[in-house]
């Protein structure tokens, strides 16, 4: 499972299996961002686990596949 995390403006991007997952952090308080960081550390097996946890926390995530955004 190869993952690469980076910051782009207020968003967090990570790549996995040819997909780019964009976690939109605009307007999220610091405490919730720390929760996001903990979830990202736990999501070593499956990005789907991370995505579902983020959505439950009310954090918007979008996915780009081959340069095209999917919601």
PDB file of N, CA and C in Angstrom:
ATOM      1  N   UNK A   1       0.841  -1.171   0.000  1.00  0.00           N
ATOM      2  CA  UNK A   1       0.000   0.000   0.000  1.00  0.00           C
ATOM      3  C   UNK A   1       0.894   1.244   0.000  1.00  0.00           C
ATOM      4  N   UNK A   2       1.043   1.855  -1.141  1.00  0.00           N
ATOM      5  CA  UNK A   2       1.880   3.036  -1.249  1.00  0.00           C
ATOM      6  C   UNK A   2       1.005   4.277  -1.134  1.00  0.00           C
ATOM      7  N   UNK A   3       1.292   5.088  -0.138  1.00  0.00           N
ATOM      8  CA  UNK A   3       0.528   6.316   0.055  1.00  0.00           C
ATOM      9  C   UNK A   3       1.492   7.485   0.150  1.00  0.00           C
ATOM     10  N   UNK A   4       1.084   8.611  -0.427  1.00  0.00           N
ATOM     11  CA  UNK A   4       1.880   9.826  -0.365  1.00  0.00           C
ATOM     12  C   UNK A   4       0.958  10.955   0.081  1.00  0.00           C
ATOM     13  N   UNK A   5       1.295  11.585   1.200  1.00  0.00           N
ATOM     14  CA  UNK A   5       0.490  12.675   1.736  1.00  0.00           C
ATOM     15  C   UNK A   5       1.174  14.005   1.461  1.00  0.00           C
ATOM     16  N   UNK A   6       0.387  15.039   1.147  1.00  0.00           N
ATOM     17  CA  UNK A   6       0.940  16.378   1.007  1.00  0.00           C
ATOM     18  C   UNK A   6      -0.141  17.412   1.281  1.00  0.00           C
ATOM     19  N   UNK A   7       0.297  18.615   1.622  1.00  0.00           N
ATOM     20  CA  UNK A   7      -0.628  19.728   1.848  1.00  0.00           C
ATOM     21  C   UNK A   7      -0.679  20.567   0.579  1.00  0.00           C
ATOM     22  N   UNK A   8      -1.865  21.026   0.220  1.00  0.00           N
ATOM     23  CA  UNK A   8      -2.022  21.943  -0.904  1.00  0.00           C
ATOM     24  C   UNK A   8      -3.016  23.005  -0.462  1.00  0.00           C
ATOM     25  N   UNK A   9      -2.500  24.165  -0.102  1.00  0.00           N
ATOM     26  CA  UNK A   9      -3.363  25.202   0.461  1.00  0.00           C
ATOM     27  C   UNK A   9      -3.924  24.717   1.783  1.00  0.00           C
ATOM     28  N   UNK A  10      -5.249  24.703   1.893  1.00  0.00           N
ATOM     29  CA  UNK A  10      -5.881  24.229   3.121  1.00  0.00           C
ATOM     30  C   UNK A  10      -6.336  22.779   3.000  1.00  0.00           C
ATOM     31  N   UNK A  11      -6.004  22.121   1.903  1.00  0.00           N
ATOM     32  CA  UNK A  11      -6.419  20.737   1.685  1.00  0.00           C
ATOM     33  C   UNK A  11      -5.268  19.776   1.960  1.00  0.00           C
ATOM     34  N   UNK A  12      -5.629  18.539   2.268  1.00  0.00           N
ATOM     35  CA  UNK A  12      -4.651  17.462   2.424  1.00  0.00           C
ATOM     36  C   UNK A  12      -4.904  16.495   1.282  1.00  0.00           C
ATOM     37  N   UNK A  13      -3.862  16.179   0.518  1.00  0.00           N
ATOM     38  CA  UNK A  13      -3.983  15.249  -0.591  1.00  0.00           C
ATOM     39  C   UNK A  13      -3.211  13.988  -0.269  1.00  0.00           C
ATOM     40  N   UNK A  14      -3.796  12.829  -0.631  1.00  0.00           N
ATOM     41  CA  UNK A  14      -2.989  11.618  -0.579  1.00  0.00           C
ATOM     42  C   UNK A  14      -3.316  10.756  -1.772  1.00  0.00           C
ATOM     43  N   UNK A  15      -2.288  10.103  -2.274  1.00  0.00           N
ATOM     44  CA  UNK A  15      -2.408   9.268  -3.461  1.00  0.00           C
ATOM     45  C   UNK A  15      -2.366   7.814  -3.060  1.00  0.00           C
ATOM     46  N   UNK A  16      -3.208   7.024  -3.722  1.00  0.00           N
ATOM     47  CA  UNK A  16      -3.255   5.593  -3.445  1.00  0.00           C
ATOM     48  C   UNK A  16      -3.819   4.883  -4.664  1.00  0.00           C
ATOM     49  N   UNK A  17      -3.092   3.911  -5.195  1.00  0.00           N
ATOM     50  CA  UNK A  17      -3.525   3.105  -6.344  1.00  0.00           C
ATOM     51  C   UNK A  17      -4.028   3.954  -7.510  1.00  0.00           C
ATOM     52  N   UNK A  18      -3.288   5.008  -7.861  1.00  0.00           N
ATOM     53  CA  UNK A  18      -3.643   5.833  -9.008  1.00  0.00           C
ATOM     54  C   UNK A  18      -4.761   6.831  -8.758  1.00  0.00           C
ATOM     55  N   UNK A  19      -5.248   6.918  -7.536  1.00  0.00           N
ATOM     56  CA  UNK A  19      -6.305   7.869  -7.199  1.00  0.00           C
ATOM     57  C   UNK A  19      -5.733   8.921  -6.266  1.00  0.00           C
ATOM     58  N   UNK A  20      -6.233  10.130  -6.378  1.00  0.00           N
ATOM     59  CA  UNK A  20      -5.857  11.202  -5.459  1.00  0.00           C
ATOM     60  C   UNK A  20      -7.069  11.535  -4.606  1.00  0.00           C
ATOM     61  N   UNK A  21      -6.926  11.403  -3.305  1.00  0.00           N
ATOM     62  CA  UNK A  21      -7.992  11.716  -2.363  1.00  0.00           C
ATOM     63  C   UNK A  21      -7.710  13.104  -1.799  1.00  0.00           C
ATOM     64  N   UNK A  22      -8.700  13.993  -1.855  1.00  0.00           N
ATOM     65  CA  UNK A  22      -8.537  15.363  -1.392  1.00  0.00           C
ATOM     66  C   UNK A  22      -9.426  15.572  -0.173  1.00  0.00           C
ATOM     67  N   UNK A  23      -8.793  15.838   0.966  1.00  0.00           N
ATOM     68  CA  UNK A  23      -9.523  16.101   2.203  1.00  0.00           C
ATOM     69  C   UNK A  23      -9.602  17.615   2.350  1.00  0.00           C
ATOM     70  N   UNK A  24     -10.818  18.144   2.272  1.00  0.00           N
ATOM     71  CA  UNK A  24     -11.036  19.590   2.328  1.00  0.00           C
ATOM     72  C   UNK A  24     -11.094  20.034   3.786  1.00  0.00           C
ATOM     73  N   UNK A  25     -10.087  20.793   4.212  1.00  0.00           N
ATOM     74  CA  UNK A  25      -9.980  21.172   5.623  1.00  0.00           C
ATOM     75  C   UNK A  25     -10.350  22.625   5.877  1.00  0.00           C
ATOM     76  N   UNK A  26     -10.851  23.328   4.880  1.00  0.00           N
ATOM     77  CA  UNK A  26     -11.224  24.732   5.059  1.00  0.00           C
ATOM     78  C   UNK A  26     -12.369  24.849   6.064  1.00  0.00           C
ATOM     79  N   UNK A  27     -12.176  25.651   7.084  1.00  0.00           N
ATOM     80  CA  UNK A  27     -13.218  25.869   8.080  1.00  0.00           C
ATOM     81  C   UNK A  27     -13.274  24.823   9.179  1.00  0.00           C
ATOM     82  N   UNK A  28     -12.316  23.902   9.207  1.00  0.00           N
ATOM     83  CA  UNK A  28     -12.303  22.856  10.232  1.00  0.00           C
ATOM     84  C   UNK A  28     -11.409  23.314  11.386  1.00  0.00           C
ATOM     85  N   UNK A  29     -11.886  23.158  12.581  1.00  0.00           N
ATOM     86  CA  UNK A  29     -11.125  23.585  13.760  1.00  0.00           C
ATOM     87  C   UNK A  29      -9.936  22.649  14.004  1.00  0.00           C
ATOM     88  N   UNK A  30      -8.947  23.170  14.724  1.00  0.00           N
ATOM     89  CA  UNK A  30      -7.696  22.443  14.974  1.00  0.00           C
ATOM     90  C   UNK A  30      -7.940  21.081  15.622  1.00  0.00           C
ATOM     91  N   UNK A  31      -8.872  21.018  16.565  1.00  0.00           N
ATOM     92  CA  UNK A  31      -9.147  19.759  17.260  1.00  0.00           C
ATOM     93  C   UNK A  31      -9.609  18.680  16.273  1.00  0.00           C
ATOM     94  N   UNK A  32     -10.439  19.082  15.312  1.00  0.00           N
ATOM     95  CA  UNK A  32     -10.916  18.121  14.321  1.00  0.00           C
ATOM     96  C   UNK A  32      -9.787  17.722  13.373  1.00  0.00           C
ATOM     97  N   UNK A  33      -8.872  18.657  13.069  1.00  0.00           N
ATOM     98  CA  UNK A  33      -7.725  18.325  12.220  1.00  0.00           C
ATOM     99  C   UNK A  33      -6.824  17.299  12.891  1.00  0.00           C
ATOM    100  N   UNK A  34      -6.681  17.391  14.204  1.00  0.00           N
ATOM    101  CA  UNK A  34      -5.895  16.389  14.925  1.00  0.00           C
ATOM    102  C   UNK A  34      -6.560  15.022  14.817  1.00  0.00           C
ATOM    103  N   UNK A  35      -7.888  14.995  14.855  1.00  0.00           N
ATOM    104  CA  UNK A  35      -8.623  13.741  14.684  1.00  0.00           C
ATOM    105  C   UNK A  35      -8.378  13.172  13.284  1.00  0.00           C
ATOM    106  N   UNK A  36      -8.361  14.058  12.281  1.00  0.00           N
ATOM    107  CA  UNK A  36      -8.074  13.633  10.905  1.00  0.00           C
ATOM    108  C   UNK A  36      -6.694  12.992  10.834  1.00  0.00           C
ATOM    109  N   UNK A  37      -5.705  13.617  11.473  1.00  0.00           N
ATOM    110  CA  UNK A  37      -4.340  13.077  11.456  1.00  0.00           C
ATOM    111  C   UNK A  37      -4.291  11.688  12.085  1.00  0.00           C
ATOM    112  N   UNK A  38      -5.004  11.502  13.195  1.00  0.00           N
ATOM    113  CA  UNK A  38      -5.039  10.183  13.840  1.00  0.00           C
ATOM    114  C   UNK A  38      -5.703   9.156  12.935  1.00  0.00           C
ATOM    115  N   UNK A  39      -6.787   9.547  12.262  1.00  0.00           N
ATOM    116  CA  UNK A  39      -7.472   8.632  11.347  1.00  0.00           C
ATOM    117  C   UNK A  39      -6.565   8.256  10.181  1.00  0.00           C
ATOM    118  N   UNK A  40      -5.786   9.225   9.681  1.00  0.00           N
ATOM    119  CA  UNK A  40      -4.889   8.950   8.562  1.00  0.00           C
ATOM    120  C   UNK A  40      -3.817   7.946   8.965  1.00  0.00           C
ATOM    121  N   UNK A  41      -3.334   8.033  10.204  1.00  0.00           N
ATOM    122  CA  UNK A  41      -2.331   7.078  10.673  1.00  0.00           C
ATOM    123  C   UNK A  41      -2.915   5.673  10.789  1.00  0.00           C
ATOM    124  N   UNK A  42      -4.188   5.579  11.186  1.00  0.00           N
ATOM    125  CA  UNK A  42      -4.829   4.277  11.354  1.00  0.00           C
ATOM    126  C   UNK A  42      -5.192   3.630  10.020  1.00  0.00           C
ATOM    127  N   UNK A  43      -5.343   4.424   8.974  1.00  0.00           N
ATOM    128  CA  UNK A  43      -5.835   3.920   7.693  1.00  0.00           C
ATOM    129  C   UNK A  43      -4.716   3.355   6.836  1.00  0.00           C
ATOM    130  N   UNK A  44      -3.916   2.485   7.396  1.00  0.00           N
ATOM    131  CA  UNK A  44      -2.805   1.915   6.638  1.00  0.00           C
ATOM    132  C   UNK A  44      -3.265   0.802   5.704  1.00  0.00           C
ATOM    133  N   UNK A  45      -4.314   0.079   6.061  1.00  0.00           N
ATOM    134  CA  UNK A  45      -4.767  -1.025   5.227  1.00  0.00           C
ATOM    135  C   UNK A  45      -5.666  -0.552   4.091  1.00  0.00           C
ATOM    136  N   UNK A  46      -6.574   0.368   4.374  1.00  0.00           N
ATOM    137  CA  UNK A  46      -7.591   0.697   3.389  1.00  0.00           C
ATOM    138  C   UNK A  46      -7.967   2.172   3.441  1.00  0.00           C
ATOM    139  N   UNK A  47      -7.810   2.886   2.318  1.00  0.00           N
ATOM    140  CA  UNK A  47      -8.249   4.278   2.316  1.00  0.00           C
ATOM    141  C   UNK A  47      -9.765   4.403   2.439  1.00  0.00           C
ATOM    142  N   UNK A  48     -10.500   3.355   2.083  1.00  0.00           N
ATOM    143  CA  UNK A  48     -11.956   3.385   2.214  1.00  0.00           C
ATOM    144  C   UNK A  48     -12.360   3.530   3.679  1.00  0.00           C
ATOM    145  N   UNK A  49     -11.594   2.918   4.580  1.00  0.00           N
ATOM    146  CA  UNK A  49     -11.845   3.051   6.014  1.00  0.00           C
ATOM    147  C   UNK A  49     -11.681   4.504   6.433  1.00  0.00           C
ATOM    148  N   UNK A  50     -10.629   5.135   5.954  1.00  0.00           N
ATOM    149  CA  UNK A  50     -10.384   6.538   6.258  1.00  0.00           C
ATOM    150  C   UNK A  50     -11.508   7.404   5.707  1.00  0.00           C
ATOM    151  N   UNK A  51     -11.903   7.155   4.465  1.00  0.00           N
ATOM    152  CA  UNK A  51     -12.942   7.969   3.843  1.00  0.00           C
ATOM    153  C   UNK A  51     -14.260   7.886   4.596  1.00  0.00           C
ATOM    154  N   UNK A  52     -14.648   6.687   4.993  1.00  0.00           N
ATOM    155  CA  UNK A  52     -15.914   6.547   5.719  1.00  0.00           C
ATOM    156  C   UNK A  52     -15.836   7.232   7.080  1.00  0.00           C
ATOM    157  N   UNK A  53     -14.694   7.136   7.749  1.00  0.00           N
ATOM    158  CA  UNK A  53     -14.531   7.791   9.051  1.00  0.00           C
ATOM    159  C   UNK A  53     -14.571   9.313   8.908  1.00  0.00           C
ATOM    160  N   UNK A  54     -13.958   9.834   7.857  1.00  0.00           N
ATOM    161  CA  UNK A  54     -13.971  11.280   7.634  1.00  0.00           C
ATOM    162  C   UNK A  54     -15.375  11.777   7.321  1.00  0.00           C
ATOM    163  N   UNK A  55     -16.097  11.019   6.508  1.00  0.00           N
ATOM    164  CA  UNK A  55     -17.462  11.413   6.174  1.00  0.00           C
ATOM    165  C   UNK A  55     -18.359  11.389   7.403  1.00  0.00           C
ATOM    166  N   UNK A  56     -18.155  10.407   8.290  1.00  0.00           N
ATOM    167  CA  UNK A  56     -18.918  10.353   9.536  1.00  0.00           C
ATOM    168  C   UNK A  56     -18.614  11.561  10.414  1.00  0.00           C
ATOM    169  N   UNK A  57     -17.380  12.063  10.338  1.00  0.00           N
ATOM    170  CA  UNK A  57     -16.982  13.229  11.127  1.00  0.00           C
ATOM    171  C   UNK A  57     -17.435  14.536  10.479  1.00  0.00           C
ATOM    172  N   UNK A  58     -18.055  14.444   9.305  1.00  0.00           N
ATOM    173  CA  UNK A  58     -18.557  15.633   8.627  1.00  0.00           C
ATOM    174  C   UNK A  58     -17.511  16.389   7.836  1.00  0.00           C
ATOM    175  N   UNK A  59     -16.457  15.700   7.424  1.00  0.00           N
ATOM    176  CA  UNK A  59     -15.380  16.327   6.664  1.00  0.00           C
ATOM    177  C   UNK A  59     -15.521  15.928   5.201  1.00  0.00           C
ATOM    178  N   UNK A  60     -15.534  16.922   4.322  1.00  0.00           N
ATOM    179  CA  UNK A  60     -15.730  16.671   2.898  1.00  0.00           C
ATOM    180  C   UNK A  60     -14.459  16.090   2.273  1.00  0.00           C
ATOM    181  N   UNK A  61     -14.642  15.035   1.489  1.00  0.00           N
ATOM    182  CA  UNK A  61     -13.532  14.387   0.790  1.00  0.00           C
ATOM    183  C   UNK A  61     -13.947  14.192  -0.658  1.00  0.00           C
ATOM    184  N   UNK A  62     -13.061  14.521  -1.589  1.00  0.00           N
ATOM    185  CA  UNK A  62     -13.326  14.231  -2.991  1.00  0.00           C
ATOM    186  C   UNK A  62     -12.193  13.363  -3.528  1.00  0.00           C
ATOM    187  N   UNK A  63     -12.471  12.670  -4.639  1.00  0.00           N
ATOM    188  CA  UNK A  63     -11.513  11.727  -5.206  1.00  0.00           C
ATOM    189  C   UNK A  63     -11.277  12.089  -6.666  1.00  0.00           C
ATOM    190  N   UNK A  64     -10.008  12.142  -7.062  1.00  0.00           N
ATOM    191  CA  UNK A  64      -9.654  12.343  -8.462  1.00  0.00           C
ATOM    192  C   UNK A  64      -9.064  11.055  -9.000  1.00  0.00           C
ATOM    193  N   UNK A  65      -9.564  10.640 -10.151  1.00  0.00           N
ATOM    194  CA  UNK A  65      -9.030   9.450 -10.798  1.00  0.00           C
ATOM    195  C   UNK A  65      -8.631   9.843 -12.208  1.00  0.00           C
ATOM    196  N   UNK A  66      -7.362   9.688 -12.546  1.00  0.00           N
ATOM    197  CA  UNK A  66      -6.817  10.074 -13.841  1.00  0.00           C
ATOM    198  C   UNK A  66      -7.084  11.545 -14.149  1.00  0.00           C
ATOM    199  N   UNK A  67      -6.973  12.396 -13.130  1.00  0.00           N
ATOM    200  CA  UNK A  67      -7.145  13.827 -13.330  1.00  0.00           C
ATOM    201  C   UNK A  67      -8.578  14.311 -13.358  1.00  0.00           C
ATOM    202  N   UNK A  68      -9.558  13.414 -13.245  1.00  0.00           N
ATOM    203  CA  UNK A  68     -10.965  13.795 -13.253  1.00  0.00           C
ATOM    204  C   UNK A  68     -11.543  13.602 -11.863  1.00  0.00           C
ATOM    205  N   UNK A  69     -12.234  14.623 -11.374  1.00  0.00           N
ATOM    206  CA  UNK A  69     -12.752  14.572 -10.005  1.00  0.00           C
ATOM    207  C   UNK A  69     -14.050  13.781  -9.941  1.00  0.00           C
ATOM    208  N   UNK A  70     -14.116  12.889  -8.958  1.00  0.00           N
ATOM    209  CA  UNK A  70     -15.329  12.127  -8.655  1.00  0.00           C
ATOM    210  C   UNK A  70     -15.734  12.495  -7.239  1.00  0.00           C
ATOM    211  N   UNK A  71     -17.014  12.632  -6.985  1.00  0.00           N
ATOM    212  CA  UNK A  71     -17.468  12.960  -5.623  1.00  0.00           C
ATOM    213  C   UNK A  71     -18.092  11.760  -4.977  1.00  0.00           C
TER     214      UNK A  71
END
